[in-house]
């Protein structure tokens, strides 16, 4: 699967931009690359960002098996195992606890 285009700048420079001027940086990337763009090293854990609400809705409504990752990060790791973002697929497990 081909990743969306994105800036070809060193990861450390991306990090500085994200810390110092995150909103302006994302606005500039959206203007230059459109609704989806990739940040990070494309050979080592790149991250695809969506810049349009409809695209984000489509991702959350899609079949989770549609998207793959060489090294998956589970949503629970980021938002916690009791978060609403974990979804109904884990409802049975939560009910058992």
PDB file of N, CA and C in Angstrom:
ATOM      1  N   UNK A   1       0.850  -1.176   0.000  1.00  0.00           N
ATOM      2  CA  UNK A   1       0.000   0.000   0.000  1.00  0.00           C
ATOM      3  C   UNK A   1       0.895   1.240   0.000  1.00  0.00           C
ATOM      4  N   UNK A   2       0.642   2.146  -0.916  1.00  0.00           N
ATOM      5  CA  UNK A   2       1.413   3.380  -1.000  1.00  0.00           C
ATOM      6  C   UNK A   2       0.885   4.382   0.016  1.00  0.00           C
ATOM      7  N   UNK A   3       1.814   4.976   0.752  1.00  0.00           N
ATOM      8  CA  UNK A   3       1.443   5.990   1.742  1.00  0.00           C
ATOM      9  C   UNK A   3       1.254   7.336   1.054  1.00  0.00           C
ATOM     10  N   UNK A   4       0.416   8.199   1.632  1.00  0.00           N
ATOM     11  CA  UNK A   4       0.264   9.552   1.083  1.00  0.00           C
ATOM     12  C   UNK A   4       1.586  10.310   1.154  1.00  0.00           C
ATOM     13  N   UNK A   5       1.746  11.284   0.274  1.00  0.00           N
ATOM     14  CA  UNK A   5       2.945  12.114   0.291  1.00  0.00           C
ATOM     15  C   UNK A   5       3.032  12.898   1.587  1.00  0.00           C
ATOM     16  N   UNK A   6       4.215  13.383   1.869  1.00  0.00           N
ATOM     17  CA  UNK A   6       4.463  14.211   3.036  1.00  0.00           C
ATOM     18  C   UNK A   6       5.819  14.866   2.908  1.00  0.00           C
ATOM     19  N   UNK A   7       6.163  15.698   3.864  1.00  0.00           N
ATOM     20  CA  UNK A   7       7.444  16.394   3.773  1.00  0.00           C
ATOM     21  C   UNK A   7       8.619  15.423   3.905  1.00  0.00           C
ATOM     22  N   UNK A   8       9.674  15.730   3.203  1.00  0.00           N
ATOM     23  CA  UNK A   8      10.902  14.920   3.275  1.00  0.00           C
ATOM     24  C   UNK A   8      11.937  15.694   4.088  1.00  0.00           C
ATOM     25  N   UNK A   9      11.610  15.868   5.362  1.00  0.00           N
ATOM     26  CA  UNK A   9      12.527  16.568   6.254  1.00  0.00           C
ATOM     27  C   UNK A   9      12.946  15.603   7.353  1.00  0.00           C
ATOM     28  N   UNK A  10      14.086  15.845   7.991  1.00  0.00           N
ATOM     29  CA  UNK A  10      14.534  14.941   9.055  1.00  0.00           C
ATOM     30  C   UNK A  10      13.506  14.855  10.190  1.00  0.00           C
ATOM     31  N   UNK A  11      13.362  13.666  10.785  1.00  0.00           N
ATOM     32  CA  UNK A  11      12.403  13.493  11.885  1.00  0.00           C
ATOM     33  C   UNK A  11      12.599  14.485  13.027  1.00  0.00           C
ATOM     34  N   UNK A  12      13.830  14.845  13.333  1.00  0.00           N
ATOM     35  CA  UNK A  12      14.056  15.796  14.425  1.00  0.00           C
ATOM     36  C   UNK A  12      13.473  17.159  14.096  1.00  0.00           C
ATOM     37  N   UNK A  13      13.496  17.551  12.810  1.00  0.00           N
ATOM     38  CA  UNK A  13      12.916  18.832  12.412  1.00  0.00           C
ATOM     39  C   UNK A  13      11.386  18.777  12.476  1.00  0.00           C
ATOM     40  N   UNK A  14      10.810  17.636  12.100  1.00  0.00           N
ATOM     41  CA  UNK A  14       9.355  17.461  12.252  1.00  0.00           C
ATOM     42  C   UNK A  14       8.962  17.614  13.716  1.00  0.00           C
ATOM     43  N   UNK A  15       9.735  16.996  14.600  1.00  0.00           N
ATOM     44  CA  UNK A  15       9.438  17.054  16.029  1.00  0.00           C
ATOM     45  C   UNK A  15       9.479  18.487  16.539  1.00  0.00           C
ATOM     46  N   UNK A  16      10.475  19.243  16.123  1.00  0.00           N
ATOM     47  CA  UNK A  16      10.565  20.644  16.536  1.00  0.00           C
ATOM     48  C   UNK A  16       9.352  21.420  16.041  1.00  0.00           C
ATOM     49  N   UNK A  17       8.963  21.210  14.794  1.00  0.00           N
ATOM     50  CA  UNK A  17       7.789  21.899  14.238  1.00  0.00           C
ATOM     51  C   UNK A  17       6.529  21.544  15.040  1.00  0.00           C
ATOM     52  N   UNK A  18       6.388  20.272  15.379  1.00  0.00           N
ATOM     53  CA  UNK A  18       5.205  19.820  16.123  1.00  0.00           C
ATOM     54  C   UNK A  18       5.158  20.398  17.531  1.00  0.00           C
ATOM     55  N   UNK A  19       6.311  20.647  18.120  1.00  0.00           N
ATOM     56  CA  UNK A  19       6.357  21.202  19.472  1.00  0.00           C
ATOM     57  C   UNK A  19       6.180  22.720  19.459  1.00  0.00           C
ATOM     58  N   UNK A  20       6.898  23.397  18.576  1.00  0.00           N
ATOM     59  CA  UNK A  20       6.944  24.856  18.574  1.00  0.00           C
ATOM     60  C   UNK A  20       5.721  25.492  17.916  1.00  0.00           C
ATOM     61  N   UNK A  21       5.247  24.910  16.815  1.00  0.00           N
ATOM     62  CA  UNK A  21       4.138  25.513  16.075  1.00  0.00           C
ATOM     63  C   UNK A  21       3.248  24.434  15.451  1.00  0.00           C
ATOM     64  N   UNK A  22       2.601  23.628  16.285  1.00  0.00           N
ATOM     65  CA  UNK A  22       1.841  22.481  15.774  1.00  0.00           C
ATOM     66  C   UNK A  22       0.685  22.856  14.855  1.00  0.00           C
ATOM     67  N   UNK A  23      -0.117  23.835  15.212  1.00  0.00           N
ATOM     68  CA  UNK A  23      -1.283  24.176  14.384  1.00  0.00           C
ATOM     69  C   UNK A  23      -0.861  24.725  13.028  1.00  0.00           C
ATOM     70  N   UNK A  24       0.121  25.619  13.038  1.00  0.00           N
ATOM     71  CA  UNK A  24       0.601  26.184  11.784  1.00  0.00           C
ATOM     72  C   UNK A  24       1.233  25.108  10.900  1.00  0.00           C
ATOM     73  N   UNK A  25       1.985  24.201  11.533  1.00  0.00           N
ATOM     74  CA  UNK A  25       2.641  23.121  10.800  1.00  0.00           C
ATOM     75  C   UNK A  25       1.610  22.231  10.116  1.00  0.00           C
ATOM     76  N   UNK A  26       0.567  21.817  10.848  1.00  0.00           N
ATOM     77  CA  UNK A  26      -0.474  20.974  10.250  1.00  0.00           C
ATOM     78  C   UNK A  26      -1.259  21.728   9.174  1.00  0.00           C
ATOM     79  N   UNK A  27      -1.517  23.014   9.387  1.00  0.00           N
ATOM     80  CA  UNK A  27      -2.196  23.808   8.356  1.00  0.00           C
ATOM     81  C   UNK A  27      -1.371  23.851   7.073  1.00  0.00           C
ATOM     82  N   UNK A  28      -0.069  24.076   7.211  1.00  0.00           N
ATOM     83  CA  UNK A  28       0.813  24.126   6.040  1.00  0.00           C
ATOM     84  C   UNK A  28       0.864  22.774   5.322  1.00  0.00           C
ATOM     85  N   UNK A  29       0.926  21.697   6.102  1.00  0.00           N
ATOM     86  CA  UNK A  29       0.951  20.369   5.492  1.00  0.00           C
ATOM     87  C   UNK A  29      -0.358  20.078   4.762  1.00  0.00           C
ATOM     88  N   UNK A  30      -1.478  20.471   5.357  1.00  0.00           N
ATOM     89  CA  UNK A  30      -2.768  20.273   4.710  1.00  0.00           C
ATOM     90  C   UNK A  30      -2.880  21.048   3.410  1.00  0.00           C
ATOM     91  N   UNK A  31      -2.386  22.281   3.403  1.00  0.00           N
ATOM     92  CA  UNK A  31      -2.430  23.089   2.184  1.00  0.00           C
ATOM     93  C   UNK A  31      -1.542  22.494   1.091  1.00  0.00           C
ATOM     94  N   UNK A  32      -0.405  21.972   1.495  1.00  0.00           N
ATOM     95  CA  UNK A  32       0.545  21.458   0.509  1.00  0.00           C
ATOM     96  C   UNK A  32       0.214  20.049   0.028  1.00  0.00           C
ATOM     97  N   UNK A  33      -0.214  19.153   0.953  1.00  0.00           N
ATOM     98  CA  UNK A  33      -0.389  17.743   0.609  1.00  0.00           C
ATOM     99  C   UNK A  33      -1.841  17.278   0.557  1.00  0.00           C
ATOM    100  N   UNK A  34      -2.766  18.106   0.977  1.00  0.00           N
ATOM    101  CA  UNK A  34      -4.173  17.727   0.901  1.00  0.00           C
ATOM    102  C   UNK A  34      -4.703  17.099   2.173  1.00  0.00           C
ATOM    103  N   UNK A  35      -5.742  16.264   2.012  1.00  0.00           N
ATOM    104  CA  UNK A  35      -6.473  15.717   3.154  1.00  0.00           C
ATOM    105  C   UNK A  35      -5.724  14.644   3.938  1.00  0.00           C
ATOM    106  N   UNK A  36      -4.718  14.010   3.342  1.00  0.00           N
ATOM    107  CA  UNK A  36      -3.944  12.978   4.033  1.00  0.00           C
ATOM    108  C   UNK A  36      -2.470  13.174   3.709  1.00  0.00           C
ATOM    109  N   UNK A  37      -1.636  13.049   4.733  1.00  0.00           N
ATOM    110  CA  UNK A  37      -0.202  13.170   4.518  1.00  0.00           C
ATOM    111  C   UNK A  37       0.533  12.305   5.531  1.00  0.00           C
ATOM    112  N   UNK A  38       1.774  11.977   5.210  1.00  0.00           N
ATOM    113  CA  UNK A  38       2.577  11.085   6.035  1.00  0.00           C
ATOM    114  C   UNK A  38       3.722  11.857   6.677  1.00  0.00           C
ATOM    115  N   UNK A  39       3.919  11.612   7.961  1.00  0.00           N
ATOM    116  CA  UNK A  39       5.065  12.168   8.680  1.00  0.00           C
ATOM    117  C   UNK A  39       5.921  11.018   9.192  1.00  0.00           C
ATOM    118  N   UNK A  40       7.169  11.294   9.400  1.00  0.00           N
ATOM    119  CA  UNK A  40       8.079  10.299   9.949  1.00  0.00           C
ATOM    120  C   UNK A  40       8.824   9.558   8.863  1.00  0.00           C
ATOM    121  N   UNK A  41       9.725   8.741   9.300  1.00  0.00           N
ATOM    122  CA  UNK A  41      10.542   7.931   8.410  1.00  0.00           C
ATOM    123  C   UNK A  41       9.662   6.877   7.754  1.00  0.00           C
ATOM    124  N   UNK A  42       9.580   6.885   6.437  1.00  0.00           N
ATOM    125  CA  UNK A  42       8.700   5.958   5.726  1.00  0.00           C
ATOM    126  C   UNK A  42       9.141   4.503   5.837  1.00  0.00           C
ATOM    127  N   UNK A  43      10.366   4.263   6.275  1.00  0.00           N
ATOM    128  CA  UNK A  43      10.856   2.897   6.437  1.00  0.00           C
ATOM    129  C   UNK A  43      10.750   2.402   7.870  1.00  0.00           C
ATOM    130  N   UNK A  44      10.409   3.297   8.790  1.00  0.00           N
ATOM    131  CA  UNK A  44      10.382   2.921  10.202  1.00  0.00           C
ATOM    132  C   UNK A  44       9.241   3.651  10.905  1.00  0.00           C
ATOM    133  N   UNK A  45       8.091   3.030  10.968  1.00  0.00           N
ATOM    134  CA  UNK A  45       6.914   3.544  11.673  1.00  0.00           C
ATOM    135  C   UNK A  45       6.423   4.904  11.182  1.00  0.00           C
ATOM    136  N   UNK A  46       6.096   5.035   9.904  1.00  0.00           N
ATOM    137  CA  UNK A  46       5.504   6.296   9.447  1.00  0.00           C
ATOM    138  C   UNK A  46       4.096   6.445  10.014  1.00  0.00           C
ATOM    139  N   UNK A  47       3.647   7.693  10.119  1.00  0.00           N
ATOM    140  CA  UNK A  47       2.306   7.978  10.635  1.00  0.00           C
ATOM    141  C   UNK A  47       1.557   8.778   9.579  1.00  0.00           C
ATOM    142  N   UNK A  48       0.355   8.316   9.239  1.00  0.00           N
ATOM    143  CA  UNK A  48      -0.498   9.014   8.286  1.00  0.00           C
ATOM    144  C   UNK A  48      -1.488   9.870   9.066  1.00  0.00           C
ATOM    145  N   UNK A  49      -1.536  11.153   8.741  1.00  0.00           N
ATOM    146  CA  UNK A  49      -2.454  12.094   9.372  1.00  0.00           C
ATOM    147  C   UNK A  49      -3.567  12.429   8.398  1.00  0.00           C
ATOM    148  N   UNK A  50      -4.768  12.566   8.926  1.00  0.00           N
ATOM    149  CA  UNK A  50      -5.920  12.969   8.119  1.00  0.00           C
ATOM    150  C   UNK A  50      -6.296  14.390   8.491  1.00  0.00           C
ATOM    151  N   UNK A  51      -6.580  15.182   7.477  1.00  0.00           N
ATOM    152  CA  UNK A  51      -6.829  16.605   7.673  1.00  0.00           C
ATOM    153  C   UNK A  51      -8.258  16.982   7.309  1.00  0.00           C
ATOM    154  N   UNK A  52      -9.145  15.993   7.307  1.00  0.00           N
ATOM    155  CA  UNK A  52     -10.521  16.261   6.902  1.00  0.00           C
ATOM    156  C   UNK A  52     -11.465  15.415   7.755  1.00  0.00           C
ATOM    157  N   UNK A  53     -12.486  16.019   8.348  1.00  0.00           N
ATOM    158  CA  UNK A  53     -13.399  15.274   9.227  1.00  0.00           C
ATOM    159  C   UNK A  53     -14.047  14.054   8.566  1.00  0.00           C
ATOM    160  N   UNK A  54     -14.411  14.152   7.301  1.00  0.00           N
ATOM    161  CA  UNK A  54     -15.061  13.023   6.633  1.00  0.00           C
ATOM    162  C   UNK A  54     -14.110  11.825   6.534  1.00  0.00           C
ATOM    163  N   UNK A  55     -12.846  12.096   6.257  1.00  0.00           N
ATOM    164  CA  UNK A  55     -11.859  11.017   6.197  1.00  0.00           C
ATOM    165  C   UNK A  55     -11.694  10.332   7.535  1.00  0.00           C
ATOM    166  N   UNK A  56     -11.717  11.103   8.592  1.00  0.00           N
ATOM    167  CA  UNK A  56     -11.597  10.545   9.937  1.00  0.00           C
ATOM    168  C   UNK A  56     -12.809   9.680  10.256  1.00  0.00           C
ATOM    169  N   UNK A  57     -14.006  10.138   9.895  1.00  0.00           N
ATOM    170  CA  UNK A  57     -15.224   9.346  10.115  1.00  0.00           C
ATOM    171  C   UNK A  57     -15.149   8.022   9.359  1.00  0.00           C
ATOM    172  N   UNK A  58     -14.647   8.066   8.116  1.00  0.00           N
ATOM    173  CA  UNK A  58     -14.547   6.849   7.318  1.00  0.00           C
ATOM    174  C   UNK A  58     -13.581   5.847   7.936  1.00  0.00           C
ATOM    175  N   UNK A  59     -12.490   6.331   8.501  1.00  0.00           N
ATOM    176  CA  UNK A  59     -11.526   5.437   9.144  1.00  0.00           C
ATOM    177  C   UNK A  59     -12.171   4.744  10.336  1.00  0.00           C
ATOM    178  N   UNK A  60     -12.862   5.497  11.183  1.00  0.00           N
ATOM    179  CA  UNK A  60     -13.469   4.897  12.371  1.00  0.00           C
ATOM    180  C   UNK A  60     -14.645   3.990  12.034  1.00  0.00           C
ATOM    181  N   UNK A  61     -15.298   4.210  10.897  1.00  0.00           N
ATOM    182  CA  UNK A  61     -16.432   3.383  10.507  1.00  0.00           C
ATOM    183  C   UNK A  61     -16.000   2.134   9.721  1.00  0.00           C
ATOM    184  N   UNK A  62     -14.770   2.105   9.256  1.00  0.00           N
ATOM    185  CA  UNK A  62     -14.291   1.003   8.407  1.00  0.00           C
ATOM    186  C   UNK A  62     -14.009  -0.251   9.233  1.00  0.00           C
ATOM    187  N   UNK A  63     -13.941  -1.361   8.530  1.00  0.00           N
ATOM    188  CA  UNK A  63     -13.574  -2.633   9.136  1.00  0.00           C
ATOM    189  C   UNK A  63     -12.144  -2.529   9.679  1.00  0.00           C
ATOM    190  N   UNK A  64     -11.928  -2.809  10.959  1.00  0.00           N
ATOM    191  CA  UNK A  64     -10.586  -2.688  11.541  1.00  0.00           C
ATOM    192  C   UNK A  64      -9.543  -3.565  10.849  1.00  0.00           C
ATOM    193  N   UNK A  65      -9.983  -4.656  10.244  1.00  0.00           N
ATOM    194  CA  UNK A  65      -9.045  -5.544   9.554  1.00  0.00           C
ATOM    195  C   UNK A  65      -8.558  -4.970   8.231  1.00  0.00           C
ATOM    196  N   UNK A  66      -9.172  -3.884   7.780  1.00  0.00           N
ATOM    197  CA  UNK A  66      -8.780  -3.254   6.534  1.00  0.00           C
ATOM    198  C   UNK A  66      -7.412  -2.601   6.635  1.00  0.00           C
ATOM    199  N   UNK A  67      -7.061  -2.136   7.817  1.00  0.00           N
ATOM    200  CA  UNK A  67      -5.807  -1.426   8.019  1.00  0.00           C
ATOM    201  C   UNK A  67      -4.825  -2.318   8.746  1.00  0.00           C
ATOM    202  N   UNK A  68      -3.621  -2.351   8.270  1.00  0.00           N
ATOM    203  CA  UNK A  68      -2.598  -3.175   8.891  1.00  0.00           C
ATOM    204  C   UNK A  68      -1.401  -2.340   9.280  1.00  0.00           C
ATOM    205  N   UNK A  69      -0.562  -2.947  10.061  1.00  0.00           N
ATOM    206  CA  UNK A  69       0.657  -2.284  10.496  1.00  0.00           C
ATOM    207  C   UNK A  69       1.718  -3.341  10.739  1.00  0.00           C
ATOM    208  N   UNK A  70       2.940  -3.006  10.402  1.00  0.00           N
ATOM    209  CA  UNK A  70       4.042  -3.931  10.655  1.00  0.00           C
ATOM    210  C   UNK A  70       4.246  -4.110  12.155  1.00  0.00           C
ATOM    211  N   UNK A  71       4.004  -3.070  12.905  1.00  0.00           N
ATOM    212  CA  UNK A  71       4.120  -3.138  14.361  1.00  0.00           C
ATOM    213  C   UNK A  71       2.913  -2.435  14.962  1.00  0.00           C
ATOM    214  N   UNK A  72       1.809  -3.166  15.121  1.00  0.00           N
ATOM    215  CA  UNK A  72       0.578  -2.532  15.580  1.00  0.00           C
ATOM    216  C   UNK A  72       0.685  -1.931  16.973  1.00  0.00           C
ATOM    217  N   UNK A  73       0.075  -0.784  17.128  1.00  0.00           N
ATOM    218  CA  UNK A  73      -0.067  -0.168  18.439  1.00  0.00           C
ATOM    219  C   UNK A  73      -1.551  -0.241  18.758  1.00  0.00           C
ATOM    220  N   UNK A  74      -1.883  -0.918  19.811  1.00  0.00           N
ATOM    221  CA  UNK A  74      -3.286  -1.077  20.161  1.00  0.00           C
ATOM    222  C   UNK A  74      -3.827   0.219  20.757  1.00  0.00           C
ATOM    223  N   UNK A  75      -5.059   0.523  20.426  1.00  0.00           N
ATOM    224  CA  UNK A  75      -5.687   1.740  20.911  1.00  0.00           C
ATOM    225  C   UNK A  75      -5.677   1.774  22.433  1.00  0.00           C
ATOM    226  N   UNK A  76      -5.824   0.625  23.056  1.00  0.00           N
ATOM    227  CA  UNK A  76      -5.814   0.569  24.521  1.00  0.00           C
ATOM    228  C   UNK A  76      -4.532   1.161  25.095  1.00  0.00           C
ATOM    229  N   UNK A  77      -3.422   0.981  24.398  1.00  0.00           N
ATOM    230  CA  UNK A  77      -2.139   1.506  24.864  1.00  0.00           C
ATOM    231  C   UNK A  77      -2.178   3.021  24.962  1.00  0.00           C
ATOM    232  N   UNK A  78      -2.896   3.651  24.061  1.00  0.00           N
ATOM    233  CA  UNK A  78      -2.937   5.107  23.987  1.00  0.00           C
ATOM    234  C   UNK A  78      -4.025   5.694  24.866  1.00  0.00           C
ATOM    235  N   UNK A  79      -5.235   5.133  24.805  1.00  0.00           N
ATOM    236  CA  UNK A  79      -6.376   5.756  25.480  1.00  0.00           C
ATOM    237  C   UNK A  79      -6.825   5.036  26.752  1.00  0.00           C
ATOM    238  N   UNK A  80      -6.271   3.861  27.022  1.00  0.00           N
ATOM    239  CA  UNK A  80      -6.665   3.111  28.207  1.00  0.00           C
ATOM    240  C   UNK A  80      -7.699   2.056  27.877  1.00  0.00           C
ATOM    241  N   UNK A  81      -7.681   0.966  28.621  1.00  0.00           N
ATOM    242  CA  UNK A  81      -8.543  -0.164  28.270  1.00  0.00           C
ATOM    243  C   UNK A  81     -10.020   0.067  28.545  1.00  0.00           C
ATOM    244  N   UNK A  82     -10.377   1.099  29.316  1.00  0.00           N
ATOM    245  CA  UNK A  82     -11.784   1.359  29.597  1.00  0.00           C
ATOM    246  C   UNK A  82     -12.336   2.536  28.802  1.00  0.00           C
ATOM    247  N   UNK A  83     -11.562   3.043  27.852  1.00  0.00           N
ATOM    248  CA  UNK A  83     -11.991   4.185  27.051  1.00  0.00           C
ATOM    249  C   UNK A  83     -13.114   3.790  26.091  1.00  0.00           C
ATOM    250  N   UNK A  84     -13.977   4.740  25.787  1.00  0.00           N
ATOM    251  CA  UNK A  84     -15.025   4.513  24.795  1.00  0.00           C
ATOM    252  C   UNK A  84     -14.436   4.262  23.415  1.00  0.00           C
ATOM    253  N   UNK A  85     -13.232   4.767  23.169  1.00  0.00           N
ATOM    254  CA  UNK A  85     -12.589   4.585  21.867  1.00  0.00           C
ATOM    255  C   UNK A  85     -12.236   3.130  21.600  1.00  0.00           C
ATOM    256  N   UNK A  86     -12.167   2.317  22.653  1.00  0.00           N
ATOM    257  CA  UNK A  86     -11.834   0.910  22.472  1.00  0.00           C
ATOM    258  C   UNK A  86     -12.970   0.211  21.735  1.00  0.00           C
ATOM    259  N   UNK A  87     -14.189   0.628  21.952  1.00  0.00           N
ATOM    260  CA  UNK A  87     -15.306   0.159  21.144  1.00  0.00           C
ATOM    261  C   UNK A  87     -16.057  -1.020  21.701  1.00  0.00           C
ATOM    262  N   UNK A  88     -17.095  -1.384  20.979  1.00  0.00           N
ATOM    263  CA  UNK A  88     -18.007  -2.440  21.407  1.00  0.00           C
ATOM    264  C   UNK A  88     -17.400  -3.827  21.281  1.00  0.00           C
ATOM    265  N   UNK A  89     -16.331  -3.986  20.493  1.00  0.00           N
ATOM    266  CA  UNK A  89     -15.759  -5.319  20.322  1.00  0.00           C
ATOM    267  C   UNK A  89     -15.224  -5.884  21.632  1.00  0.00           C
ATOM    268  N   UNK A  90     -14.927  -5.020  22.573  1.00  0.00           N
ATOM    269  CA  UNK A  90     -14.422  -5.474  23.862  1.00  0.00           C
ATOM    270  C   UNK A  90     -15.483  -5.436  24.954  1.00  0.00           C
ATOM    271  N   UNK A  91     -16.724  -5.132  24.589  1.00  0.00           N
ATOM    272  CA  UNK A  91     -17.788  -5.014  25.584  1.00  0.00           C
ATOM    273  C   UNK A  91     -17.965  -6.302  26.385  1.00  0.00           C
ATOM    274  N   UNK A  92     -17.929  -7.445  25.730  1.00  0.00           N
ATOM    275  CA  UNK A  92     -18.102  -8.707  26.433  1.00  0.00           C
ATOM    276  C   UNK A  92     -17.020  -8.902  27.493  1.00  0.00           C
ATOM    277  N   UNK A  93     -15.780  -8.578  27.158  1.00  0.00           N
ATOM    278  CA  UNK A  93     -14.696  -8.710  28.116  1.00  0.00           C
ATOM    279  C   UNK A  93     -14.911  -7.801  29.309  1.00  0.00           C
ATOM    280  N   UNK A  94     -15.357  -6.553  29.064  1.00  0.00           N
ATOM    281  CA  UNK A  94     -15.594  -5.607  30.148  1.00  0.00           C
ATOM    282  C   UNK A  94     -16.756  -6.079  31.026  1.00  0.00           C
ATOM    283  N   UNK A  95     -17.784  -6.668  30.412  1.00  0.00           N
ATOM    284  CA  UNK A  95     -18.928  -7.145  31.178  1.00  0.00           C
ATOM    285  C   UNK A  95     -18.533  -8.294  32.106  1.00  0.00           C
ATOM    286  N   UNK A  96     -17.537  -9.084  31.692  1.00  0.00           N
ATOM    287  CA  UNK A  96     -17.103 -10.216  32.487  1.00  0.00           C
ATOM    288  C   UNK A  96     -16.295  -9.798  33.698  1.00  0.00           C
ATOM    289  N   UNK A  97     -15.709  -8.612  33.666  1.00  0.00           N
ATOM    290  CA  UNK A  97     -14.848  -8.173  34.764  1.00  0.00           C
ATOM    291  C   UNK A  97     -15.627  -7.719  35.962  1.00  0.00           C
TER     292      UNK A  97
END
